[in-house]
Amino acid sequence: MAPRTSLTLALGAACALVVAGCSSPSPADTSATSESAAQPTSESIPQDGSPCADPNTFCVGLVVESGTVDDGSLNEAAFEGVRDAAIATDAVVTYLESTDEDPYAANIEYLALSGYDVVVTTGVDVPQVTIDAAVAHPDTRFIGISQNMSDGPANATGLLFADDEAASFTEDLTGLIVEIHAGVAP
């Protein structure tokens, strides 16, 4: 395994352990490393026990449509951007891996209802799911990776890039999350 991949996996595992240790239980069949999620219920939504319920805690969640956060492509680049932003802002971070559109929407909803400040989504075929979540949760910022959000609400931003621009995309994502945290993002 390449040193960078090992570092990414180690940091990802550390982030998952920290989040799992200080957050309320996630929806049924969902954890930082699961590949699917059941529809959240009101009983499974973290309330007072979630660090994200505290307005002084900055929380960033990543929901991948399919695949894993160590897939060597879009999902991994998104994870690296979220991880780097977490380091820069001292954010609480989690990620959820989805297997199809229904758990994908449920995972996005779960993070929004859990008080996450920023929800980052990946998946070129599902921008409407992210836009719908942004409409339903106007106090949460949504960033859709490879998703055109031009018809979305003000709290939804799409990051579009060419296949050969993945490295700069990671930096752009990190920068946007840092700007949101600082209150200067458009």
C-alpha atoms as a PDB file:
ATOM      1  CA  MET A   1       0.000   0.000   0.000  1.00  0.00           C
ATOM      2  CA  ALA A   2       1.344   3.426  -0.914  1.00  0.00           C
ATOM      3  CA  PRO A   3       2.392   5.705   2.000  1.00  0.00           C
ATOM      4  CA  ARG A   4      -0.201   8.352   1.075  1.00  0.00           C
ATOM      5  CA  THR A   5      -2.993   5.773   0.996  1.00  0.00           C
ATOM      6  CA  SER A   6      -1.870   4.409   4.351  1.00  0.00           C
ATOM      7  CA  LEU A   7      -1.854   7.906   5.836  1.00  0.00           C
ATOM      8  CA  THR A   8      -5.284   8.675   4.387  1.00  0.00           C
ATOM      9  CA  LEU A   9      -6.712   5.424   5.720  1.00  0.00           C
ATOM     10  CA  ALA A  10      -5.114   5.982   9.128  1.00  0.00           C
ATOM     11  CA  LEU A  11      -6.436   9.536   9.362  1.00  0.00           C
ATOM     12  CA  GLY A  12      -9.838   8.400   8.142  1.00  0.00           C
ATOM     13  CA  ALA A  13      -9.965   5.672  10.752  1.00  0.00           C
ATOM     14  CA  ALA A  14      -8.880   8.123  13.453  1.00  0.00           C
ATOM     15  CA  CYS A  15     -11.592  10.601  12.420  1.00  0.00           C
ATOM     16  CA  ALA A  16     -14.184   7.825  12.412  1.00  0.00           C
ATOM     17  CA  LEU A  17     -13.143   6.697  15.887  1.00  0.00           C
ATOM     18  CA  VAL A  18     -13.247  10.236  17.271  1.00  0.00           C
ATOM     19  CA  VAL A  19     -16.668  10.899  15.765  1.00  0.00           C
ATOM     20  CA  ALA A  20     -18.028   7.534  16.857  1.00  0.00           C
ATOM     21  CA  GLY A  21     -16.738   8.071  20.373  1.00  0.00           C
ATOM     22  CA  CYS A  22     -18.274  11.498  20.887  1.00  0.00           C
ATOM     23  CA  SER A  23     -21.529  11.349  18.972  1.00  0.00           C
ATOM     24  CA  SER A  24     -24.890   9.750  19.494  1.00  0.00           C
ATOM     25  CA  PRO A  25     -25.722   6.520  17.742  1.00  0.00           C
ATOM     26  CA  SER A  26     -26.218   6.787  14.015  1.00  0.00           C
ATOM     27  CA  PRO A  27     -29.308   5.558  12.186  1.00  0.00           C
ATOM     28  CA  ALA A  28     -29.929   1.823  12.091  1.00  0.00           C
ATOM     29  CA  ASP A  29     -27.353  -0.035   9.998  1.00  0.00           C
ATOM     30  CA  THR A  30     -25.252   3.119   9.573  1.00  0.00           C
ATOM     31  CA  SER A  31     -21.822   3.926  10.915  1.00  0.00           C
ATOM     32  CA  ALA A  32     -18.854   5.867   9.689  1.00  0.00           C
ATOM     33  CA  THR A  33     -17.788   2.801   7.756  1.00  0.00           C
ATOM     34  CA  SER A  34     -21.077   1.278   6.642  1.00  0.00           C
ATOM     35  CA  GLU A  35     -22.161   1.243   3.041  1.00  0.00           C
ATOM     36  CA  SER A  36     -25.877   1.790   3.593  1.00  0.00           C
ATOM     37  CA  ALA A  37     -28.292   3.477   5.926  1.00  0.00           C
ATOM     38  CA  ALA A  38     -31.833   2.851   6.961  1.00  0.00           C
ATOM     39  CA  GLN A  39     -34.347   5.683   6.939  1.00  0.00           C
ATOM     40  CA  PRO A  40     -33.688   7.657  10.132  1.00  0.00           C
ATOM     41  CA  THR A  41     -36.453   7.891  12.675  1.00  0.00           C
ATOM     42  CA  SER A  42     -37.041  10.626  15.228  1.00  0.00           C
ATOM     43  CA  GLU A  43     -35.602   8.302  17.884  1.00  0.00           C
ATOM     44  CA  SER A  44     -32.355   7.855  15.919  1.00  0.00           C
ATOM     45  CA  ILE A  45     -31.687  11.550  15.317  1.00  0.00           C
ATOM     46  CA  PRO A  46     -29.098  12.836  17.797  1.00  0.00           C
ATOM     47  CA  GLN A  47     -30.522  15.568  19.978  1.00  0.00           C
ATOM     48  CA  ASP A  48     -28.792  16.866  23.085  1.00  0.00           C
ATOM     49  CA  GLY A  49     -26.042  14.206  23.001  1.00  0.00           C
ATOM     50  CA  SER A  50     -24.743  15.180  19.562  1.00  0.00           C
ATOM     51  CA  PRO A  51     -21.760  17.525  19.528  1.00  0.00           C
ATOM     52  CA  CYS A  52     -23.409  19.118  16.484  1.00  0.00           C
ATOM     53  CA  ALA A  53     -26.355  20.254  18.611  1.00  0.00           C
ATOM     54  CA  ASP A  54     -23.945  22.745  20.203  1.00  0.00           C
ATOM     55  CA  PRO A  55     -23.940  25.928  18.077  1.00  0.00           C
ATOM     56  CA  ASN A  56     -20.284  26.491  19.034  1.00  0.00           C
ATOM     57  CA  THR A  57     -19.225  23.202  17.431  1.00  0.00           C
ATOM     58  CA  PHE A  58     -18.596  23.267  13.685  1.00  0.00           C
ATOM     59  CA  CYS A  59     -19.681  19.993  12.052  1.00  0.00           C
ATOM     60  CA  VAL A  60     -19.039  18.758   8.528  1.00  0.00           C
ATOM     61  CA  GLY A  61     -20.542  15.586   7.102  1.00  0.00           C
ATOM     62  CA  LEU A  62     -19.784  13.784   3.849  1.00  0.00           C
ATOM     63  CA  VAL A  63     -22.320  11.540   2.116  1.00  0.00           C
ATOM     64  CA  VAL A  64     -21.093   9.471  -0.813  1.00  0.00           C
ATOM     65  CA  GLU A  65     -23.656   8.174  -3.290  1.00  0.00           C
ATOM     66  CA  SER A  66     -21.882   4.916  -4.008  1.00  0.00           C
ATOM     67  CA  GLY A  67     -18.495   3.458  -3.324  1.00  0.00           C
ATOM     68  CA  THR A  68     -16.225   4.209  -0.413  1.00  0.00           C
ATOM     69  CA  VAL A  69     -14.123   7.109   0.833  1.00  0.00           C
ATOM     70  CA  ASP A  70     -10.965   5.216  -0.080  1.00  0.00           C
ATOM     71  CA  ASP A  71     -11.915   4.434  -3.690  1.00  0.00           C
ATOM     72  CA  GLY A  72      -9.009   6.302  -5.268  1.00  0.00           C
ATOM     73  CA  SER A  73     -11.272   8.744  -7.104  1.00  0.00           C
ATOM     74  CA  LEU A  74     -14.010  11.310  -6.446  1.00  0.00           C
ATOM     75  CA  ASN A  75     -15.119  10.023  -3.043  1.00  0.00           C
ATOM     76  CA  GLU A  76     -11.567   9.859  -1.737  1.00  0.00           C
ATOM     77  CA  ALA A  77     -10.766  13.355  -3.028  1.00  0.00           C
ATOM     78  CA  ALA A  78     -13.928  14.653  -1.322  1.00  0.00           C
ATOM     79  CA  PHE A  79     -12.966  12.894   1.906  1.00  0.00           C
ATOM     80  CA  GLU A  80      -9.482  14.438   1.772  1.00  0.00           C
ATOM     81  CA  GLY A  81     -10.980  17.912   1.292  1.00  0.00           C
ATOM     82  CA  VAL A  82     -13.367  17.426   4.213  1.00  0.00           C
ATOM     83  CA  ARG A  83     -10.573  16.010   6.377  1.00  0.00           C
ATOM     84  CA  ASP A  84      -8.261  18.922   5.569  1.00  0.00           C
ATOM     85  CA  ALA A  85     -11.031  21.422   6.349  1.00  0.00           C
ATOM     86  CA  ALA A  86     -11.656  19.663   9.661  1.00  0.00           C
ATOM     87  CA  ILE A  87      -8.008  20.037  10.574  1.00  0.00           C
ATOM     88  CA  ALA A  88      -8.074  23.738   9.622  1.00  0.00           C
ATOM     89  CA  THR A  89     -11.301  24.499  11.515  1.00  0.00           C
ATOM     90  CA  ASP A  90     -11.233  21.961  14.364  1.00  0.00           C
ATOM     91  CA  ALA A  91     -14.515  20.580  13.014  1.00  0.00           C
ATOM     92  CA  VAL A  92     -16.331  17.420  13.989  1.00  0.00           C
ATOM     93  CA  VAL A  93     -16.424  15.243  10.863  1.00  0.00           C
ATOM     94  CA  THR A  94     -18.253  12.119   9.839  1.00  0.00           C
ATOM     95  CA  TYR A  95     -18.949  10.355   6.577  1.00  0.00           C
ATOM     96  CA  LEU A  96     -21.672   7.988   5.418  1.00  0.00           C
ATOM     97  CA  GLU A  97     -21.380   5.638   2.444  1.00  0.00           C
ATOM     98  CA  SER A  98     -24.582   4.877   0.529  1.00  0.00           C
ATOM     99  CA  THR A  99     -25.497   2.058  -1.828  1.00  0.00           C
ATOM    100  CA  ASP A 100     -28.413   3.588  -3.727  1.00  0.00           C
ATOM    101  CA  GLU A 101     -30.455   6.791  -3.900  1.00  0.00           C
ATOM    102  CA  ASP A 102     -32.896   5.997  -1.079  1.00  0.00           C
ATOM    103  CA  PRO A 103     -30.256   5.522   1.652  1.00  0.00           C
ATOM    104  CA  TYR A 104     -28.337   8.407   0.079  1.00  0.00           C
ATOM    105  CA  ALA A 105     -31.250  10.789   0.688  1.00  0.00           C
ATOM    106  CA  ALA A 106     -31.752   9.348   4.185  1.00  0.00           C
ATOM    107  CA  ASN A 107     -28.052   9.849   4.986  1.00  0.00           C
ATOM    108  CA  ILE A 108     -28.197  13.487   3.870  1.00  0.00           C
ATOM    109  CA  GLU A 109     -31.357  14.029   5.927  1.00  0.00           C
ATOM    110  CA  TYR A 110     -29.762  12.380   8.956  1.00  0.00           C
ATOM    111  CA  LEU A 111     -26.796  14.777   8.942  1.00  0.00           C
ATOM    112  CA  ALA A 112     -28.991  17.840   8.391  1.00  0.00           C
ATOM    113  CA  LEU A 113     -31.316  16.862  11.245  1.00  0.00           C
ATOM    114  CA  SER A 114     -28.309  16.081  13.441  1.00  0.00           C
ATOM    115  CA  GLY A 115     -27.189  19.706  13.292  1.00  0.00           C
ATOM    116  CA  TYR A 116     -24.319  19.470  10.824  1.00  0.00           C
ATOM    117  CA  ASP A 117     -23.323  22.920   9.576  1.00  0.00           C
ATOM    118  CA  VAL A 118     -22.072  21.654   6.212  1.00  0.00           C
ATOM    119  CA  VAL A 119     -23.134  18.540   4.331  1.00  0.00           C
ATOM    120  CA  VAL A 120     -20.937  17.578   1.384  1.00  0.00           C
ATOM    121  CA  THR A 121     -22.431  15.166  -1.145  1.00  0.00           C
ATOM    122  CA  THR A 122     -20.899  13.243  -4.023  1.00  0.00           C
ATOM    123  CA  GLY A 123     -22.722  11.722  -6.952  1.00  0.00           C
ATOM    124  CA  VAL A 124     -23.077  13.125 -10.440  1.00  0.00           C
ATOM    125  CA  ASP A 125     -26.514  11.595 -10.976  1.00  0.00           C
ATOM    126  CA  VAL A 126     -28.245  12.970  -7.883  1.00  0.00           C
ATOM    127  CA  PRO A 127     -27.983  16.769  -7.678  1.00  0.00           C
ATOM    128  CA  GLN A 128     -31.755  17.072  -7.149  1.00  0.00           C
ATOM    129  CA  VAL A 129     -31.483  15.063  -3.916  1.00  0.00           C
ATOM    130  CA  THR A 130     -28.964  17.591  -2.578  1.00  0.00           C
ATOM    131  CA  ILE A 131     -31.067  20.542  -3.785  1.00  0.00           C
ATOM    132  CA  ASP A 132     -34.183  19.087  -2.120  1.00  0.00           C
ATOM    133  CA  ALA A 133     -32.281  18.711   1.161  1.00  0.00           C
ATOM    134  CA  ALA A 134     -31.008  22.298   0.895  1.00  0.00           C
ATOM    135  CA  VAL A 135     -34.563  23.572   0.417  1.00  0.00           C
ATOM    136  CA  ALA A 136     -35.772  21.558   3.418  1.00  0.00           C
ATOM    137  CA  HIS A 137     -32.855  22.691   5.626  1.00  0.00           C
ATOM    138  CA  PRO A 138     -32.082  26.365   4.881  1.00  0.00           C
ATOM    139  CA  ASP A 139     -29.778  26.722   7.915  1.00  0.00           C
ATOM    140  CA  THR A 140     -27.432  23.985   6.658  1.00  0.00           C
ATOM    141  CA  ARG A 141     -24.901  24.581   3.876  1.00  0.00           C
ATOM    142  CA  PHE A 142     -24.754  21.913   1.171  1.00  0.00           C
ATOM    143  CA  ILE A 143     -21.873  21.340  -1.221  1.00  0.00           C
ATOM    144  CA  GLY A 144     -22.525  19.011  -4.149  1.00  0.00           C
ATOM    145  CA  ILE A 145     -19.391  17.557  -5.707  1.00  0.00           C
ATOM    146  CA  SER A 146     -19.744  17.212  -9.496  1.00  0.00           C
ATOM    147  CA  GLN A 147     -23.285  18.512  -9.114  1.00  0.00           C
ATOM    148  CA  ASN A 148     -24.688  21.533 -10.901  1.00  0.00           C
ATOM    149  CA  MET A 149     -26.470  23.599  -8.235  1.00  0.00           C
ATOM    150  CA  SER A 150     -27.235  26.635 -10.409  1.00  0.00           C
ATOM    151  CA  ASP A 151     -30.985  26.062  -9.939  1.00  0.00           C
ATOM    152  CA  GLY A 152     -30.623  25.390  -6.212  1.00  0.00           C
ATOM    153  CA  PRO A 153     -31.177  27.643  -3.213  1.00  0.00           C
ATOM    154  CA  ALA A 154     -28.531  29.993  -1.814  1.00  0.00           C
ATOM    155  CA  ASN A 155     -27.382  27.415   0.748  1.00  0.00           C
ATOM    156  CA  ALA A 156     -26.411  24.917  -2.000  1.00  0.00           C
ATOM    157  CA  THR A 157     -23.120  25.169  -3.873  1.00  0.00           C
ATOM    158  CA  GLY A 158     -21.938  22.894  -6.647  1.00  0.00           C
ATOM    159  CA  LEU A 159     -18.269  22.201  -7.244  1.00  0.00           C
ATOM    160  CA  LEU A 160     -17.700  21.164 -10.853  1.00  0.00           C
ATOM    161  CA  PHE A 161     -14.295  20.171 -12.182  1.00  0.00           C
ATOM    162  CA  ALA A 162     -12.654  18.228 -14.989  1.00  0.00           C
ATOM    163  CA  ASP A 163     -11.381  14.718 -14.327  1.00  0.00           C
ATOM    164  CA  ASP A 164      -7.758  15.885 -14.387  1.00  0.00           C
ATOM    165  CA  GLU A 165      -8.403  18.577 -11.743  1.00  0.00           C
ATOM    166  CA  ALA A 166      -8.997  16.334  -8.716  1.00  0.00           C
ATOM    167  CA  ALA A 167      -6.042  17.754  -6.762  1.00  0.00           C
ATOM    168  CA  SER A 168      -7.223  21.350  -7.092  1.00  0.00           C
ATOM    169  CA  PHE A 169     -10.796  20.244  -6.415  1.00  0.00           C
ATOM    170  CA  THR A 170      -9.708  18.928  -3.007  1.00  0.00           C
ATOM    171  CA  GLU A 171      -8.118  22.302  -2.230  1.00  0.00           C
ATOM    172  CA  ASP A 172     -11.224  24.147  -3.492  1.00  0.00           C
ATOM    173  CA  LEU A 173     -13.461  22.049  -1.237  1.00  0.00           C
ATOM    174  CA  THR A 174     -11.215  22.629   1.775  1.00  0.00           C
ATOM    175  CA  GLY A 175     -11.146  26.366   1.065  1.00  0.00           C
ATOM    176  CA  LEU A 176     -14.925  26.606   0.690  1.00  0.00           C
ATOM    177  CA  ILE A 177     -15.555  24.802   3.990  1.00  0.00           C
ATOM    178  CA  VAL A 178     -13.024  27.039   5.755  1.00  0.00           C
ATOM    179  CA  GLU A 179     -14.781  30.108   4.289  1.00  0.00           C
ATOM    180  CA  ILE A 180     -18.174  28.806   5.464  1.00  0.00           C
ATOM    181  CA  HIS A 181     -16.722  28.307   8.954  1.00  0.00           C
ATOM    182  CA  ALA A 182     -15.339  31.841   8.923  1.00  0.00           C
ATOM    183  CA  GLY A 183     -18.658  33.231   7.710  1.00  0.00           C
ATOM    184  CA  VAL A 184     -17.214  34.668   4.509  1.00  0.00           C
ATOM    185  CA  ALA A 185     -18.450  32.162   1.917  1.00  0.00           C
ATOM    186  CA  PRO A 186     -20.910  33.456  -0.651  1.00  0.00           C
END
